[in-house]
Amino acid sequence: MSAYNQSAFGMTDCKVSSEETIRENYFWAISGPPVSNGRFPPFDWRTYNGPVVPRVGIVDRSDFEWQRIDIDI
């Protein structure tokens, strides 16, 4: 999406599991709009020039790493 055609919408998180991760009691998660392995820059409100959107408590830049989430059963 170009800087001239921005809009505040899209995915906010992703969770990935497999037979192996379920068997070993964990999964992977990430928060924020996708960056598709560098194809898209991380979303940054400081460079967003679309319509005003309320965003109380949301960080300026969504650039998070995948996190391993261990499940206590």
C-alpha atoms as a PDB file:
ATOM      1  CA  MET A   1       0.000   0.000   0.000  1.00  0.00           C
ATOM      2  CA  SER A   2       1.521   3.313  -0.988  1.00  0.00           C
ATOM      3  CA  ALA A   3       1.895   6.306   1.311  1.00  0.00           C
ATOM      4  CA  TYR A   4      -0.726   8.037  -0.865  1.00  0.00           C
ATOM      5  CA  ASN A   5      -3.396   5.405  -0.425  1.00  0.00           C
ATOM      6  CA  GLN A   6      -3.332   4.422   3.239  1.00  0.00           C
ATOM      7  CA  SER A   7      -6.162   3.027   5.308  1.00  0.00           C
ATOM      8  CA  ALA A   8      -6.331   1.809   8.911  1.00  0.00           C
ATOM      9  CA  PHE A   9      -7.550  -1.785   8.513  1.00  0.00           C
ATOM     10  CA  GLY A  10      -6.180  -5.284   8.427  1.00  0.00           C
ATOM     11  CA  MET A  11      -5.062  -8.188  10.575  1.00  0.00           C
ATOM     12  CA  THR A  12      -3.973  -7.577  14.124  1.00  0.00           C
ATOM     13  CA  ASP A  13      -2.457 -10.907  15.110  1.00  0.00           C
ATOM     14  CA  CYS A  14      -1.628 -14.414  13.992  1.00  0.00           C
ATOM     15  CA  LYS A  15      -1.261 -17.745  15.778  1.00  0.00           C
ATOM     16  CA  VAL A  16       0.382 -20.823  14.279  1.00  0.00           C
ATOM     17  CA  SER A  17       0.307 -24.368  15.562  1.00  0.00           C
ATOM     18  CA  SER A  18       0.996 -27.818  14.188  1.00  0.00           C
ATOM     19  CA  GLU A  19       0.740 -31.393  15.350  1.00  0.00           C
ATOM     20  CA  GLU A  20       4.256 -31.055  16.773  1.00  0.00           C
ATOM     21  CA  THR A  21       3.628 -27.804  18.647  1.00  0.00           C
ATOM     22  CA  ILE A  22       0.381 -29.119  20.118  1.00  0.00           C
ATOM     23  CA  ARG A  23       2.111 -32.341  21.216  1.00  0.00           C
ATOM     24  CA  GLU A  24       4.863 -30.246  22.854  1.00  0.00           C
ATOM     25  CA  ASN A  25       2.356 -27.753  24.389  1.00  0.00           C
ATOM     26  CA  TYR A  26       3.278 -24.502  22.628  1.00  0.00           C
ATOM     27  CA  PHE A  27       2.324 -22.353  19.654  1.00  0.00           C
ATOM     28  CA  TRP A  28       3.719 -19.297  17.845  1.00  0.00           C
ATOM     29  CA  ALA A  29       2.028 -15.861  17.861  1.00  0.00           C
ATOM     30  CA  ILE A  30       2.667 -12.407  16.446  1.00  0.00           C
ATOM     31  CA  SER A  31       0.788  -9.145  16.881  1.00  0.00           C
ATOM     32  CA  GLY A  32       0.375  -6.373  14.351  1.00  0.00           C
ATOM     33  CA  PRO A  33      -0.241  -5.974  10.636  1.00  0.00           C
ATOM     34  CA  PRO A  34       1.748  -8.417   8.491  1.00  0.00           C
ATOM     35  CA  VAL A  35       5.079  -7.373   6.988  1.00  0.00           C
ATOM     36  CA  SER A  36       5.332 -10.482   4.749  1.00  0.00           C
ATOM     37  CA  ASN A  37       9.037 -11.126   5.275  1.00  0.00           C
ATOM     38  CA  GLY A  38      10.020  -7.580   4.389  1.00  0.00           C
ATOM     39  CA  ARG A  39       7.646  -7.098   1.438  1.00  0.00           C
ATOM     40  CA  PHE A  40       5.793  -4.386   3.383  1.00  0.00           C
ATOM     41  CA  PRO A  41       7.213  -1.920   5.883  1.00  0.00           C
ATOM     42  CA  PRO A  42       5.920  -2.156   9.465  1.00  0.00           C
ATOM     43  CA  PHE A  43       2.847   0.012   9.988  1.00  0.00           C
ATOM     44  CA  ASP A  44       3.728   3.331  11.657  1.00  0.00           C
ATOM     45  CA  TRP A  45       1.126   5.826  12.835  1.00  0.00           C
ATOM     46  CA  ARG A  46       3.692   8.639  12.592  1.00  0.00           C
ATOM     47  CA  THR A  47       3.780   8.279   8.795  1.00  0.00           C
ATOM     48  CA  TYR A  48       0.069   7.381   8.377  1.00  0.00           C
ATOM     49  CA  ASN A  49      -1.769  10.110   6.467  1.00  0.00           C
ATOM     50  CA  GLY A  50      -5.210   8.533   6.183  1.00  0.00           C
ATOM     51  CA  PRO A  51      -8.403   9.475   8.055  1.00  0.00           C
ATOM     52  CA  VAL A  52      -8.102  10.132  11.792  1.00  0.00           C
ATOM     53  CA  VAL A  53      -8.652   6.910  13.763  1.00  0.00           C
ATOM     54  CA  PRO A  54      -8.888   6.685  17.586  1.00  0.00           C
ATOM     55  CA  ARG A  55      -5.977   4.583  18.908  1.00  0.00           C
ATOM     56  CA  VAL A  56      -5.676   4.929  22.668  1.00  0.00           C
ATOM     57  CA  GLY A  57      -2.973   2.579  24.011  1.00  0.00           C
ATOM     58  CA  ILE A  58      -1.645   1.501  20.621  1.00  0.00           C
ATOM     59  CA  VAL A  59       2.102   1.852  19.980  1.00  0.00           C
ATOM     60  CA  ASP A  60       3.323   4.166  17.190  1.00  0.00           C
ATOM     61  CA  ARG A  61       5.047   1.391  15.226  1.00  0.00           C
ATOM     62  CA  SER A  62       3.824  -2.207  14.827  1.00  0.00           C
ATOM     63  CA  ASP A  63       7.029  -4.165  14.327  1.00  0.00           C
ATOM     64  CA  PHE A  64       6.842  -7.236  16.538  1.00  0.00           C
ATOM     65  CA  GLU A  65       8.737 -10.526  16.463  1.00  0.00           C
ATOM     66  CA  TRP A  66       7.187 -14.009  16.532  1.00  0.00           C
ATOM     67  CA  GLN A  67       6.834 -15.234  20.140  1.00  0.00           C
ATOM     68  CA  ARG A  68       6.757 -18.828  21.346  1.00  0.00           C
ATOM     69  CA  ILE A  69       3.834 -19.263  23.749  1.00  0.00           C
ATOM     70  CA  ASP A  70       4.213 -22.229  26.113  1.00  0.00           C
ATOM     71  CA  ILE A  71       0.968 -23.752  27.349  1.00  0.00           C
ATOM     72  CA  ASP A  72       0.740 -24.898  30.972  1.00  0.00           C
ATOM     73  CA  ILE A  73      -1.678 -27.826  31.118  1.00  0.00           C
END
